[in-house]
């Protein structure tokens, strides 16, 4: 099973990923968090934030996710994942792909609110975020508590 948490910056991806990991650890279930920023760091931040660089970074992540899933470890992905065509690719490649769209209305954001390497191409500001067409679960993290989000995910994945 692959749990892929996606949404714009500030939607709670990393926080929810960390809580899921804690839950799985307590239950003795092998899992691993794959975070887009960690992958970028591993490759010495050789990519920027253009559409092409974001696609490359997500594809790098997908190979790691694939290998973890094949070895019985649940990958918990925390990534903006703004492109529907890559989500469709994931649905085709992974045996059990569980996509969680963390929807959160963040009003009046600008690219100055985010600190990226070049402070450009902020998804949801400078770059379009493709609204997910087939999420397994949508959670409004502006309304639901962290515990409620975790509970809803665990109920759906039924591990």
C-alpha atoms as a PDB file:
ATOM      1  CA  UNK A   1       0.000   0.000   0.000  1.00  0.00           C
ATOM      2  CA  UNK A   2       1.113   3.521  -0.859  1.00  0.00           C
ATOM      3  CA  UNK A   3      -0.342   6.448   1.070  1.00  0.00           C
ATOM      4  CA  UNK A   4       0.157   9.626  -0.962  1.00  0.00           C
ATOM      5  CA  UNK A   5      -0.676  12.875   0.870  1.00  0.00           C
ATOM      6  CA  UNK A   6      -1.005  15.810  -1.494  1.00  0.00           C
ATOM      7  CA  UNK A   7      -2.109  19.415  -1.345  1.00  0.00           C
ATOM      8  CA  UNK A   8      -0.770  22.944  -1.496  1.00  0.00           C
ATOM      9  CA  UNK A   9       1.829  24.292   0.931  1.00  0.00           C
ATOM     10  CA  UNK A  10       0.442  24.575   4.434  1.00  0.00           C
ATOM     11  CA  UNK A  11      -2.218  21.879   4.011  1.00  0.00           C
ATOM     12  CA  UNK A  12      -0.683  19.556   6.637  1.00  0.00           C
ATOM     13  CA  UNK A  13       1.062  16.898   4.541  1.00  0.00           C
ATOM     14  CA  UNK A  14       4.182  16.531   6.683  1.00  0.00           C
ATOM     15  CA  UNK A  15       2.310  16.724   9.995  1.00  0.00           C
ATOM     16  CA  UNK A  16      -0.163  14.034   8.947  1.00  0.00           C
ATOM     17  CA  UNK A  17       2.638  11.861   7.516  1.00  0.00           C
ATOM     18  CA  UNK A  18       4.507  12.020  10.835  1.00  0.00           C
ATOM     19  CA  UNK A  19       1.393  11.071  12.821  1.00  0.00           C
ATOM     20  CA  UNK A  20       0.635   8.155  10.499  1.00  0.00           C
ATOM     21  CA  UNK A  21       4.221   6.953  10.911  1.00  0.00           C
ATOM     22  CA  UNK A  22       3.894   7.109  14.722  1.00  0.00           C
ATOM     23  CA  UNK A  23       0.682   5.071  14.523  1.00  0.00           C
ATOM     24  CA  UNK A  24       2.242   2.433  12.272  1.00  0.00           C
ATOM     25  CA  UNK A  25       5.317   2.216  14.513  1.00  0.00           C
ATOM     26  CA  UNK A  26       3.085   1.534  17.538  1.00  0.00           C
ATOM     27  CA  UNK A  27       1.257  -1.173  15.588  1.00  0.00           C
ATOM     28  CA  UNK A  28       4.489  -2.790  14.358  1.00  0.00           C
ATOM     29  CA  UNK A  29       3.714  -1.939  10.730  1.00  0.00           C
ATOM     30  CA  UNK A  30       6.736  -1.068   8.627  1.00  0.00           C
ATOM     31  CA  UNK A  31       6.417   2.353   7.027  1.00  0.00           C
ATOM     32  CA  UNK A  32       8.636   5.126   5.753  1.00  0.00           C
ATOM     33  CA  UNK A  33       8.017   8.808   5.027  1.00  0.00           C
ATOM     34  CA  UNK A  34       9.037  10.095   1.611  1.00  0.00           C
ATOM     35  CA  UNK A  35       9.031  13.886   1.620  1.00  0.00           C
ATOM     36  CA  UNK A  36       9.731  15.956  -1.485  1.00  0.00           C
ATOM     37  CA  UNK A  37      12.104  18.260   0.392  1.00  0.00           C
ATOM     38  CA  UNK A  38      14.139  15.318   1.692  1.00  0.00           C
ATOM     39  CA  UNK A  39      14.480  13.926  -1.833  1.00  0.00           C
ATOM     40  CA  UNK A  40      15.586  17.351  -3.078  1.00  0.00           C
ATOM     41  CA  UNK A  41      18.197  17.504  -0.321  1.00  0.00           C
ATOM     42  CA  UNK A  42      19.532  14.044  -1.135  1.00  0.00           C
ATOM     43  CA  UNK A  43      20.282  15.239  -4.654  1.00  0.00           C
ATOM     44  CA  UNK A  44      22.020  18.369  -3.297  1.00  0.00           C
ATOM     45  CA  UNK A  45      19.088  20.583  -4.324  1.00  0.00           C
ATOM     46  CA  UNK A  46      20.003  20.229  -7.985  1.00  0.00           C
ATOM     47  CA  UNK A  47      16.444  21.029  -9.068  1.00  0.00           C
ATOM     48  CA  UNK A  48      14.541  24.280  -8.993  1.00  0.00           C
ATOM     49  CA  UNK A  49      10.790  24.753  -8.821  1.00  0.00           C
ATOM     50  CA  UNK A  50       9.839  24.966 -12.484  1.00  0.00           C
ATOM     51  CA  UNK A  51       7.197  22.558 -13.763  1.00  0.00           C
ATOM     52  CA  UNK A  52       9.890  20.394 -15.346  1.00  0.00           C
ATOM     53  CA  UNK A  53      11.968  20.262 -12.151  1.00  0.00           C
ATOM     54  CA  UNK A  54       8.919  19.426 -10.050  1.00  0.00           C
ATOM     55  CA  UNK A  55       8.039  16.577 -12.441  1.00  0.00           C
ATOM     56  CA  UNK A  56      11.602  15.234 -12.180  1.00  0.00           C
ATOM     57  CA  UNK A  57      11.531  15.369  -8.381  1.00  0.00           C
ATOM     58  CA  UNK A  58       8.202  13.537  -8.204  1.00  0.00           C
ATOM     59  CA  UNK A  59       9.458  10.851 -10.580  1.00  0.00           C
ATOM     60  CA  UNK A  60      12.515  10.380  -8.361  1.00  0.00           C
ATOM     61  CA  UNK A  61      10.184   9.914  -5.415  1.00  0.00           C
ATOM     62  CA  UNK A  62       8.052   7.410  -7.301  1.00  0.00           C
ATOM     63  CA  UNK A  63      10.924   4.992  -7.801  1.00  0.00           C
ATOM     64  CA  UNK A  64      11.638   4.980  -4.057  1.00  0.00           C
ATOM     65  CA  UNK A  65       7.947   4.539  -3.324  1.00  0.00           C
ATOM     66  CA  UNK A  66       7.729   1.637  -5.777  1.00  0.00           C
ATOM     67  CA  UNK A  67      10.695  -0.152  -4.187  1.00  0.00           C
ATOM     68  CA  UNK A  68       9.348   0.310  -0.666  1.00  0.00           C
ATOM     69  CA  UNK A  69       5.909  -1.004  -1.632  1.00  0.00           C
ATOM     70  CA  UNK A  70       7.415  -4.030  -3.372  1.00  0.00           C
ATOM     71  CA  UNK A  71       9.320  -4.822  -0.167  1.00  0.00           C
ATOM     72  CA  UNK A  72       6.324  -4.697   2.159  1.00  0.00           C
ATOM     73  CA  UNK A  73       7.009  -1.263   3.606  1.00  0.00           C
ATOM     74  CA  UNK A  74       4.222   1.324   3.484  1.00  0.00           C
ATOM     75  CA  UNK A  75       5.506   4.511   1.869  1.00  0.00           C
ATOM     76  CA  UNK A  76       3.841   7.617   3.277  1.00  0.00           C
ATOM     77  CA  UNK A  77       4.409  10.344   0.714  1.00  0.00           C
ATOM     78  CA  UNK A  78       4.137  14.017   1.652  1.00  0.00           C
ATOM     79  CA  UNK A  79       4.337  16.113  -1.495  1.00  0.00           C
ATOM     80  CA  UNK A  80       2.398  18.921  -3.162  1.00  0.00           C
ATOM     81  CA  UNK A  81       2.038  16.724  -6.267  1.00  0.00           C
ATOM     82  CA  UNK A  82       0.365  19.410  -8.368  1.00  0.00           C
ATOM     83  CA  UNK A  83       0.040  17.476 -11.637  1.00  0.00           C
ATOM     84  CA  UNK A  84      -2.835  15.114 -12.356  1.00  0.00           C
ATOM     85  CA  UNK A  85      -0.938  13.267 -15.099  1.00  0.00           C
ATOM     86  CA  UNK A  86       1.619  12.102 -12.505  1.00  0.00           C
ATOM     87  CA  UNK A  87      -1.134  11.030 -10.125  1.00  0.00           C
ATOM     88  CA  UNK A  88      -2.612   8.965 -12.949  1.00  0.00           C
ATOM     89  CA  UNK A  89       0.835   7.440 -13.566  1.00  0.00           C
ATOM     90  CA  UNK A  90       1.006   6.521  -9.852  1.00  0.00           C
ATOM     91  CA  UNK A  91      -2.402   4.836 -10.023  1.00  0.00           C
ATOM     92  CA  UNK A  92      -1.082   2.654 -12.843  1.00  0.00           C
ATOM     93  CA  UNK A  93       2.293   1.795 -11.268  1.00  0.00           C
ATOM     94  CA  UNK A  94       1.476   1.064  -7.626  1.00  0.00           C
ATOM     95  CA  UNK A  95      -0.418  -2.018  -6.497  1.00  0.00           C
ATOM     96  CA  UNK A  96      -2.398  -0.256  -3.766  1.00  0.00           C
ATOM     97  CA  UNK A  97      -2.388   3.514  -4.250  1.00  0.00           C
ATOM     98  CA  UNK A  98      -4.308   5.513  -1.642  1.00  0.00           C
ATOM     99  CA  UNK A  99      -4.418   9.197  -2.562  1.00  0.00           C
ATOM    100  CA  UNK A 100      -5.347  11.639   0.190  1.00  0.00           C
ATOM    101  CA  UNK A 101      -6.111  15.149  -0.969  1.00  0.00           C
ATOM    102  CA  UNK A 102      -5.536  17.597   1.867  1.00  0.00           C
ATOM    103  CA  UNK A 103      -7.719  20.457   0.828  1.00  0.00           C
ATOM    104  CA  UNK A 104      -7.282  23.704   2.646  1.00  0.00           C
ATOM    105  CA  UNK A 105      -8.403  27.153   1.724  1.00  0.00           C
ATOM    106  CA  UNK A 106      -5.507  29.512   2.318  1.00  0.00           C
ATOM    107  CA  UNK A 107      -6.610  33.041   1.545  1.00  0.00           C
ATOM    108  CA  UNK A 108      -4.447  35.869   0.299  1.00  0.00           C
ATOM    109  CA  UNK A 109      -1.227  33.896  -0.101  1.00  0.00           C
ATOM    110  CA  UNK A 110       1.554  35.305  -2.219  1.00  0.00           C
ATOM    111  CA  UNK A 111       4.911  33.927  -3.216  1.00  0.00           C
ATOM    112  CA  UNK A 112       6.568  36.090  -0.531  1.00  0.00           C
ATOM    113  CA  UNK A 113       4.825  33.908   2.057  1.00  0.00           C
ATOM    114  CA  UNK A 114       6.953  30.945   0.979  1.00  0.00           C
ATOM    115  CA  UNK A 115      10.714  30.633   1.119  1.00  0.00           C
ATOM    116  CA  UNK A 116      11.943  28.571  -1.805  1.00  0.00           C
ATOM    117  CA  UNK A 117      15.374  28.569  -3.301  1.00  0.00           C
ATOM    118  CA  UNK A 118      14.439  31.105  -5.997  1.00  0.00           C
ATOM    119  CA  UNK A 119      11.159  32.216  -4.382  1.00  0.00           C
ATOM    120  CA  UNK A 120       9.297  31.563  -7.645  1.00  0.00           C
ATOM    121  CA  UNK A 121       6.802  29.091  -9.034  1.00  0.00           C
ATOM    122  CA  UNK A 122       4.788  28.692  -5.846  1.00  0.00           C
ATOM    123  CA  UNK A 123       2.052  26.133  -6.481  1.00  0.00           C
ATOM    124  CA  UNK A 124      -1.300  27.797  -6.015  1.00  0.00           C
ATOM    125  CA  UNK A 125       0.188  31.254  -6.614  1.00  0.00           C
ATOM    126  CA  UNK A 126       2.523  31.229  -9.646  1.00  0.00           C
ATOM    127  CA  UNK A 127       1.804  27.695 -10.826  1.00  0.00           C
ATOM    128  CA  UNK A 128      -1.501  25.872 -11.223  1.00  0.00           C
ATOM    129  CA  UNK A 129      -2.379  23.056  -8.836  1.00  0.00           C
ATOM    130  CA  UNK A 130      -4.475  20.507 -10.761  1.00  0.00           C
ATOM    131  CA  UNK A 131      -7.459  19.702  -8.588  1.00  0.00           C
ATOM    132  CA  UNK A 132      -7.371  15.930  -7.964  1.00  0.00           C
ATOM    133  CA  UNK A 133      -9.925  14.063 -10.062  1.00  0.00           C
ATOM    134  CA  UNK A 134      -9.877  10.678  -8.296  1.00  0.00           C
ATOM    135  CA  UNK A 135      -8.654  11.020  -4.716  1.00  0.00           C
ATOM    136  CA  UNK A 136      -9.285   8.050  -2.464  1.00  0.00           C
ATOM    137  CA  UNK A 137     -10.094  10.511   0.322  1.00  0.00           C
ATOM    138  CA  UNK A 138     -10.419  14.287   0.599  1.00  0.00           C
ATOM    139  CA  UNK A 139      -9.830  15.966   3.948  1.00  0.00           C
ATOM    140  CA  UNK A 140     -10.422  19.634   4.710  1.00  0.00           C
ATOM    141  CA  UNK A 141      -7.490  20.280   7.031  1.00  0.00           C
ATOM    142  CA  UNK A 142      -8.756  23.796   7.719  1.00  0.00           C
ATOM    143  CA  UNK A 143     -11.793  22.276   9.454  1.00  0.00           C
ATOM    144  CA  UNK A 144     -10.737  18.825  10.706  1.00  0.00           C
ATOM    145  CA  UNK A 145      -8.345  18.301  13.613  1.00  0.00           C
ATOM    146  CA  UNK A 146      -5.184  16.264  13.199  1.00  0.00           C
ATOM    147  CA  UNK A 147      -6.741  13.384  15.147  1.00  0.00           C
ATOM    148  CA  UNK A 148      -9.840  13.469  12.939  1.00  0.00           C
ATOM    149  CA  UNK A 149      -7.700  13.350   9.791  1.00  0.00           C
ATOM    150  CA  UNK A 150      -5.677  10.391  11.066  1.00  0.00           C
ATOM    151  CA  UNK A 151      -8.824   8.569  12.147  1.00  0.00           C
ATOM    152  CA  UNK A 152     -10.467   9.019   8.723  1.00  0.00           C
ATOM    153  CA  UNK A 153      -7.360   7.792   6.892  1.00  0.00           C
ATOM    154  CA  UNK A 154      -6.973   4.740   9.111  1.00  0.00           C
ATOM    155  CA  UNK A 155     -10.658   3.897   8.756  1.00  0.00           C
ATOM    156  CA  UNK A 156     -10.379   3.966   4.961  1.00  0.00           C
ATOM    157  CA  UNK A 157      -7.133   1.992   4.587  1.00  0.00           C
ATOM    158  CA  UNK A 158      -8.267  -0.697   7.067  1.00  0.00           C
ATOM    159  CA  UNK A 159      -4.879  -2.039   8.091  1.00  0.00           C
END
